[in-house]
């Protein structure tokens, strides 16, 4: 709960900063995000991450020099 409260407070501060920036520059803040284009709102898998092969120790040392 403390983490959620901290994130909520940070969000408030960021919103205030964005509003201030908009006031100073005359730009309107971006519109809130709408529904996703693919229509799949409930499935949030994230990005596909592929682990790359590791370099050999000798090759890593050679690149540092």
PDB file of N, CA and C in Angstrom:
ATOM      1  N   UNK A   1       0.809  -1.198   0.000  1.00  0.00           N
ATOM      2  CA  UNK A   1       0.000   0.000   0.000  1.00  0.00           C
ATOM      3  C   UNK A   1       0.856   1.267   0.000  1.00  0.00           C
ATOM      4  N   UNK A   2       1.996   1.212   0.715  1.00  0.00           N
ATOM      5  CA  UNK A   2       2.874   2.385   0.753  1.00  0.00           C
ATOM      6  C   UNK A   2       3.453   2.682  -0.624  1.00  0.00           C
ATOM      7  N   UNK A   3       3.783   1.627  -1.360  1.00  0.00           N
ATOM      8  CA  UNK A   3       4.332   1.827  -2.707  1.00  0.00           C
ATOM      9  C   UNK A   3       3.277   2.443  -3.614  1.00  0.00           C
ATOM     10  N   UNK A   4       2.067   1.940  -3.544  1.00  0.00           N
ATOM     11  CA  UNK A   4       0.985   2.506  -4.372  1.00  0.00           C
ATOM     12  C   UNK A   4       0.750   3.971  -4.035  1.00  0.00           C
ATOM     13  N   UNK A   5       0.767   4.297  -2.747  1.00  0.00           N
ATOM     14  CA  UNK A   5       0.570   5.684  -2.334  1.00  0.00           C
ATOM     15  C   UNK A   5       1.710   6.558  -2.859  1.00  0.00           C
ATOM     16  N   UNK A   6       2.940   6.053  -2.786  1.00  0.00           N
ATOM     17  CA  UNK A   6       4.076   6.806  -3.311  1.00  0.00           C
ATOM     18  C   UNK A   6       3.953   7.049  -4.805  1.00  0.00           C
ATOM     19  N   UNK A   7       3.545   6.029  -5.537  1.00  0.00           N
ATOM     20  CA  UNK A   7       3.373   6.170  -6.984  1.00  0.00           C
ATOM     21  C   UNK A   7       2.257   7.160  -7.292  1.00  0.00           C
ATOM     22  N   UNK A   8       1.168   7.105  -6.516  1.00  0.00           N
ATOM     23  CA  UNK A   8       0.069   8.049  -6.715  1.00  0.00           C
ATOM     24  C   UNK A   8       0.551   9.482  -6.502  1.00  0.00           C
ATOM     25  N   UNK A   9       1.350   9.685  -5.453  1.00  0.00           N
ATOM     26  CA  UNK A   9       1.865  11.031  -5.174  1.00  0.00           C
ATOM     27  C   UNK A   9       2.801  11.502  -6.281  1.00  0.00           C
ATOM     28  N   UNK A  10       3.651  10.607  -6.755  1.00  0.00           N
ATOM     29  CA  UNK A  10       4.550  10.967  -7.859  1.00  0.00           C
ATOM     30  C   UNK A  10       3.727  11.345  -9.083  1.00  0.00           C
ATOM     31  N   UNK A  11       2.664  10.603  -9.356  1.00  0.00           N
ATOM     32  CA  UNK A  11       1.789  10.913 -10.483  1.00  0.00           C
ATOM     33  C   UNK A  11       1.177  12.292 -10.369  1.00  0.00           C
ATOM     34  N   UNK A  12       0.781  12.670  -9.154  1.00  0.00           N
ATOM     35  CA  UNK A  12       0.221  14.011  -8.948  1.00  0.00           C
ATOM     36  C   UNK A  12       1.254  15.089  -9.249  1.00  0.00           C
ATOM     37  N   UNK A  13       2.484  14.880  -8.776  1.00  0.00           N
ATOM     38  CA  UNK A  13       3.543  15.867  -9.004  1.00  0.00           C
ATOM     39  C   UNK A  13       3.855  15.975 -10.492  1.00  0.00           C
ATOM     40  N   UNK A  14       3.937  14.838 -11.173  1.00  0.00           N
ATOM     41  CA  UNK A  14       4.219  14.859 -12.612  1.00  0.00           C
ATOM     42  C   UNK A  14       3.104  15.581 -13.352  1.00  0.00           C
ATOM     43  N   UNK A  15       1.859  15.330 -12.983  1.00  0.00           N
ATOM     44  CA  UNK A  15       0.731  16.013 -13.625  1.00  0.00           C
ATOM     45  C   UNK A  15       0.836  17.521 -13.422  1.00  0.00           C
ATOM     46  N   UNK A  16       1.185  17.946 -12.208  1.00  0.00           N
ATOM     47  CA  UNK A  16       1.346  19.377 -11.945  1.00  0.00           C
ATOM     48  C   UNK A  16       2.456  19.967 -12.809  1.00  0.00           C
ATOM     49  N   UNK A  17       3.563  19.235 -12.958  1.00  0.00           N
ATOM     50  CA  UNK A  17       4.678  19.720 -13.767  1.00  0.00           C
ATOM     51  C   UNK A  17       4.277  19.827 -15.238  1.00  0.00           C
ATOM     52  N   UNK A  18       3.535  18.840 -15.733  1.00  0.00           N
ATOM     53  CA  UNK A  18       3.077  18.871 -17.126  1.00  0.00           C
ATOM     54  C   UNK A  18       2.119  20.039 -17.334  1.00  0.00           C
ATOM     55  N   UNK A  19       1.229  20.248 -16.372  1.00  0.00           N
ATOM     56  CA  UNK A  19       0.308  21.384 -16.470  1.00  0.00           C
ATOM     57  C   UNK A  19       1.071  22.705 -16.475  1.00  0.00           C
ATOM     58  N   UNK A  20       2.086  22.822 -15.623  1.00  0.00           N
ATOM     59  CA  UNK A  20       2.896  24.038 -15.576  1.00  0.00           C
ATOM     60  C   UNK A  20       3.618  24.250 -16.902  1.00  0.00           C
ATOM     61  N   UNK A  21       4.192  23.181 -17.449  1.00  0.00           N
ATOM     62  CA  UNK A  21       4.870  23.277 -18.741  1.00  0.00           C
ATOM     63  C   UNK A  21       3.895  23.748 -19.816  1.00  0.00           C
ATOM     64  N   UNK A  22       2.690  23.188 -19.801  1.00  0.00           N
ATOM     65  CA  UNK A  22       1.678  23.595 -20.771  1.00  0.00           C
ATOM     66  C   UNK A  22       1.307  25.056 -20.623  1.00  0.00           C
ATOM     67  N   UNK A  23       1.246  25.536 -19.384  1.00  0.00           N
ATOM     68  CA  UNK A  23       0.939  26.945 -19.145  1.00  0.00           C
ATOM     69  C   UNK A  23       2.049  27.837 -19.684  1.00  0.00           C
ATOM     70  N   UNK A  24       3.290  27.428 -19.466  1.00  0.00           N
ATOM     71  CA  UNK A  24       4.430  28.244 -19.903  1.00  0.00           C
ATOM     72  C   UNK A  24       4.595  28.249 -21.418  1.00  0.00           C
ATOM     73  N   UNK A  25       4.342  27.120 -22.064  1.00  0.00           N
ATOM     74  CA  UNK A  25       4.572  27.011 -23.507  1.00  0.00           C
ATOM     75  C   UNK A  25       3.314  27.239 -24.333  1.00  0.00           C
ATOM     76  N   UNK A  26       2.161  27.178 -23.709  1.00  0.00           N
ATOM     77  CA  UNK A  26       0.908  27.323 -24.438  1.00  0.00           C
ATOM     78  C   UNK A  26       0.460  26.044 -25.108  1.00  0.00           C
ATOM     79  N   UNK A  27       1.159  24.939 -24.857  1.00  0.00           N
ATOM     80  CA  UNK A  27       0.784  23.652 -25.450  1.00  0.00           C
ATOM     81  C   UNK A  27      -0.174  22.922 -24.525  1.00  0.00           C
ATOM     82  N   UNK A  28      -1.112  22.223 -25.120  1.00  0.00           N
ATOM     83  CA  UNK A  28      -2.038  21.420 -24.341  1.00  0.00           C
ATOM     84  C   UNK A  28      -1.410  20.063 -24.065  1.00  0.00           C
ATOM     85  N   UNK A  29      -1.695  19.464 -22.906  1.00  0.00           N
ATOM     86  CA  UNK A  29      -1.172  18.118 -22.651  1.00  0.00           C
ATOM     87  C   UNK A  29      -1.803  17.107 -23.605  1.00  0.00           C
ATOM     88  N   UNK A  30      -1.138  15.991 -23.786  1.00  0.00           N
ATOM     89  CA  UNK A  30      -1.641  14.943 -24.675  1.00  0.00           C
ATOM     90  C   UNK A  30      -2.962  14.399 -24.156  1.00  0.00           C
ATOM     91  N   UNK A  31      -3.776  13.949 -25.071  1.00  0.00           N
ATOM     92  CA  UNK A  31      -5.063  13.356 -24.699  1.00  0.00           C
ATOM     93  C   UNK A  31      -4.813  12.032 -23.987  1.00  0.00           C
ATOM     94  N   UNK A  32      -5.689  11.647 -23.074  1.00  0.00           N
ATOM     95  CA  UNK A  32      -5.513  10.362 -22.400  1.00  0.00           C
ATOM     96  C   UNK A  32      -5.568   9.213 -23.404  1.00  0.00           C
ATOM     97  N   UNK A  33      -4.862   8.152 -23.090  1.00  0.00           N
ATOM     98  CA  UNK A  33      -4.816   6.995 -23.983  1.00  0.00           C
ATOM     99  C   UNK A  33      -6.191   6.361 -24.093  1.00  0.00           C
ATOM    100  N   UNK A  34      -6.567   6.046 -25.299  1.00  0.00           N
ATOM    101  CA  UNK A  34      -7.848   5.386 -25.537  1.00  0.00           C
ATOM    102  C   UNK A  34      -7.663   3.882 -25.529  1.00  0.00           C
ATOM    103  N   UNK A  35      -8.680   3.155 -25.948  1.00  0.00           N
ATOM    104  CA  UNK A  35      -8.547   1.701 -26.013  1.00  0.00           C
ATOM    105  C   UNK A  35      -7.484   1.304 -27.037  1.00  0.00           C
ATOM    106  N   UNK A  36      -6.874   0.173 -26.792  1.00  0.00           N
ATOM    107  CA  UNK A  36      -5.817  -0.297 -27.683  1.00  0.00           C
ATOM    108  C   UNK A  36      -6.384  -0.623 -29.051  1.00  0.00           C
ATOM    109  N   UNK A  37      -5.585  -0.412 -30.076  1.00  0.00           N
ATOM    110  CA  UNK A  37      -6.035  -0.609 -31.457  1.00  0.00           C
ATOM    111  C   UNK A  37      -6.394  -2.063 -31.742  1.00  0.00           C
ATOM    112  N   UNK A  38      -5.673  -3.006 -31.107  1.00  0.00           N
ATOM    113  CA  UNK A  38      -5.951  -4.406 -31.390  1.00  0.00           C
ATOM    114  C   UNK A  38      -7.168  -4.926 -30.625  1.00  0.00           C
ATOM    115  N   UNK A  39      -7.747  -4.091 -29.746  1.00  0.00           N
ATOM    116  CA  UNK A  39      -8.946  -4.467 -29.021  1.00  0.00           C
ATOM    117  C   UNK A  39      -8.717  -5.449 -27.891  1.00  0.00           C
ATOM    118  N   UNK A  40      -7.474  -5.793 -27.613  1.00  0.00           N
ATOM    119  CA  UNK A  40      -7.161  -6.757 -26.570  1.00  0.00           C
ATOM    120  C   UNK A  40      -6.694  -6.008 -25.326  1.00  0.00           C
ATOM    121  N   UNK A  41      -7.629  -5.527 -24.529  1.00  0.00           N
ATOM    122  CA  UNK A  41      -7.288  -4.689 -23.389  1.00  0.00           C
ATOM    123  C   UNK A  41      -6.831  -5.477 -22.173  1.00  0.00           C
ATOM    124  N   UNK A  42      -7.253  -6.702 -22.001  1.00  0.00           N
ATOM    125  CA  UNK A  42      -6.961  -7.431 -20.781  1.00  0.00           C
ATOM    126  C   UNK A  42      -5.655  -8.198 -20.790  1.00  0.00           C
ATOM    127  N   UNK A  43      -5.055  -8.424 -21.923  1.00  0.00           N
ATOM    128  CA  UNK A  43      -3.870  -9.261 -22.014  1.00  0.00           C
ATOM    129  C   UNK A  43      -2.634  -8.388 -22.153  1.00  0.00           C
ATOM    130  N   UNK A  44      -1.945  -8.144 -21.057  1.00  0.00           N
ATOM    131  CA  UNK A  44      -0.773  -7.275 -21.065  1.00  0.00           C
ATOM    132  C   UNK A  44       0.489  -8.104 -20.871  1.00  0.00           C
ATOM    133  N   UNK A  45       0.950  -8.754 -21.928  1.00  0.00           N
ATOM    134  CA  UNK A  45       2.126  -9.602 -21.819  1.00  0.00           C
ATOM    135  C   UNK A  45       3.413  -8.800 -21.769  1.00  0.00           C
ATOM    136  N   UNK A  46       3.456  -7.647 -22.375  1.00  0.00           N
ATOM    137  CA  UNK A  46       4.694  -6.894 -22.457  1.00  0.00           C
ATOM    138  C   UNK A  46       5.427  -7.229 -23.738  1.00  0.00           C
ATOM    139  N   UNK A  47       6.664  -6.797 -23.808  1.00  0.00           N
ATOM    140  CA  UNK A  47       7.462  -7.002 -25.011  1.00  0.00           C
ATOM    141  C   UNK A  47       8.004  -8.425 -25.058  1.00  0.00           C
ATOM    142  N   UNK A  48       8.285  -8.869 -26.261  1.00  0.00           N
ATOM    143  CA  UNK A  48       8.957 -10.157 -26.418  1.00  0.00           C
ATOM    144  C   UNK A  48      10.448  -9.921 -26.232  1.00  0.00           C
ATOM    145  N   UNK A  49      11.044 -10.629 -25.302  1.00  0.00           N
ATOM    146  CA  UNK A  49      12.456 -10.443 -24.988  1.00  0.00           C
ATOM    147  C   UNK A  49      13.193 -11.720 -25.344  1.00  0.00           C
ATOM    148  N   UNK A  50      14.245 -11.577 -26.121  1.00  0.00           N
ATOM    149  CA  UNK A  50      15.059 -12.710 -26.518  1.00  0.00           C
ATOM    150  C   UNK A  50      16.444 -12.548 -25.916  1.00  0.00           C
ATOM    151  N   UNK A  51      16.911 -13.583 -25.244  1.00  0.00           N
ATOM    152  CA  UNK A  51      18.243 -13.528 -24.661  1.00  0.00           C
ATOM    153  C   UNK A  51      19.267 -13.815 -25.754  1.00  0.00           C
ATOM    154  N   UNK A  52      20.250 -12.929 -25.869  1.00  0.00           N
ATOM    155  CA  UNK A  52      21.301 -13.089 -26.862  1.00  0.00           C
ATOM    156  C   UNK A  52      22.406 -13.957 -26.297  1.00  0.00           C
ATOM    157  N   UNK A  53      23.130 -14.663 -27.167  1.00  0.00           N
ATOM    158  CA  UNK A  53      24.223 -15.496 -26.669  1.00  0.00           C
ATOM    159  C   UNK A  53      25.307 -14.622 -26.043  1.00  0.00           C
ATOM    160  N   UNK A  54      25.926 -15.134 -25.002  1.00  0.00           N
ATOM    161  CA  UNK A  54      26.985 -14.410 -24.299  1.00  0.00           C
ATOM    162  C   UNK A  54      28.287 -14.492 -25.084  1.00  0.00           C
ATOM    163  N   UNK A  55      29.079 -13.432 -24.985  1.00  0.00           N
ATOM    164  CA  UNK A  55      30.402 -13.451 -25.611  1.00  0.00           C
ATOM    165  C   UNK A  55      31.365 -14.239 -24.734  1.00  0.00           C
ATOM    166  N   UNK A  56      32.369 -14.802 -25.354  1.00  0.00           N
ATOM    167  CA  UNK A  56      33.403 -15.509 -24.607  1.00  0.00           C
ATOM    168  C   UNK A  56      34.211 -14.492 -23.806  1.00  0.00           C
ATOM    169  N   UNK A  57      34.783 -14.911 -22.675  1.00  0.00           N
ATOM    170  CA  UNK A  57      35.555 -14.005 -21.817  1.00  0.00           C
ATOM    171  C   UNK A  57      36.691 -13.329 -22.581  1.00  0.00           C
ATOM    172  N   UNK A  58      37.396 -14.068 -23.426  1.00  0.00           N
ATOM    173  CA  UNK A  58      38.523 -13.493 -24.167  1.00  0.00           C
ATOM    174  C   UNK A  58      38.041 -12.394 -25.111  1.00  0.00           C
ATOM    175  N   UNK A  59      36.918 -12.598 -25.751  1.00  0.00           N
ATOM    176  CA  UNK A  59      36.389 -11.594 -26.678  1.00  0.00           C
ATOM    177  C   UNK A  59      35.965 -10.339 -25.919  1.00  0.00           C
ATOM    178  N   UNK A  60      35.392 -10.495 -24.727  1.00  0.00           N
ATOM    179  CA  UNK A  60      34.995  -9.326 -23.926  1.00  0.00           C
ATOM    180  C   UNK A  60      36.217  -8.528 -23.503  1.00  0.00           C
ATOM    181  N   UNK A  61      37.271  -9.222 -23.090  1.00  0.00           N
ATOM    182  CA  UNK A  61      38.496  -8.516 -22.671  1.00  0.00           C
ATOM    183  C   UNK A  61      39.121  -7.790 -23.848  1.00  0.00           C
ATOM    184  N   UNK A  62      39.068  -8.377 -25.038  1.00  0.00           N
ATOM    185  CA  UNK A  62      39.662  -7.755 -26.223  1.00  0.00           C
ATOM    186  C   UNK A  62      38.922  -6.470 -26.578  1.00  0.00           C
ATOM    187  N   UNK A  63      37.635  -6.420 -26.398  1.00  0.00           N
ATOM    188  CA  UNK A  63      36.851  -5.226 -26.728  1.00  0.00           C
ATOM    189  C   UNK A  63      37.113  -4.085 -25.751  1.00  0.00           C
ATOM    190  N   UNK A  64      37.474  -4.377 -24.501  1.00  0.00           N
ATOM    191  CA  UNK A  64      37.722  -3.329 -23.504  1.00  0.00           C
ATOM    192  C   UNK A  64      39.009  -2.572 -23.770  1.00  0.00           C
ATOM    193  N   UNK A  65      39.992  -3.208 -24.388  1.00  0.00           N
ATOM    194  CA  UNK A  65      41.296  -2.549 -24.565  1.00  0.00           C
ATOM    195  C   UNK A  65      41.292  -1.539 -25.664  1.00  0.00           C
TER     196      UNK A  65
END
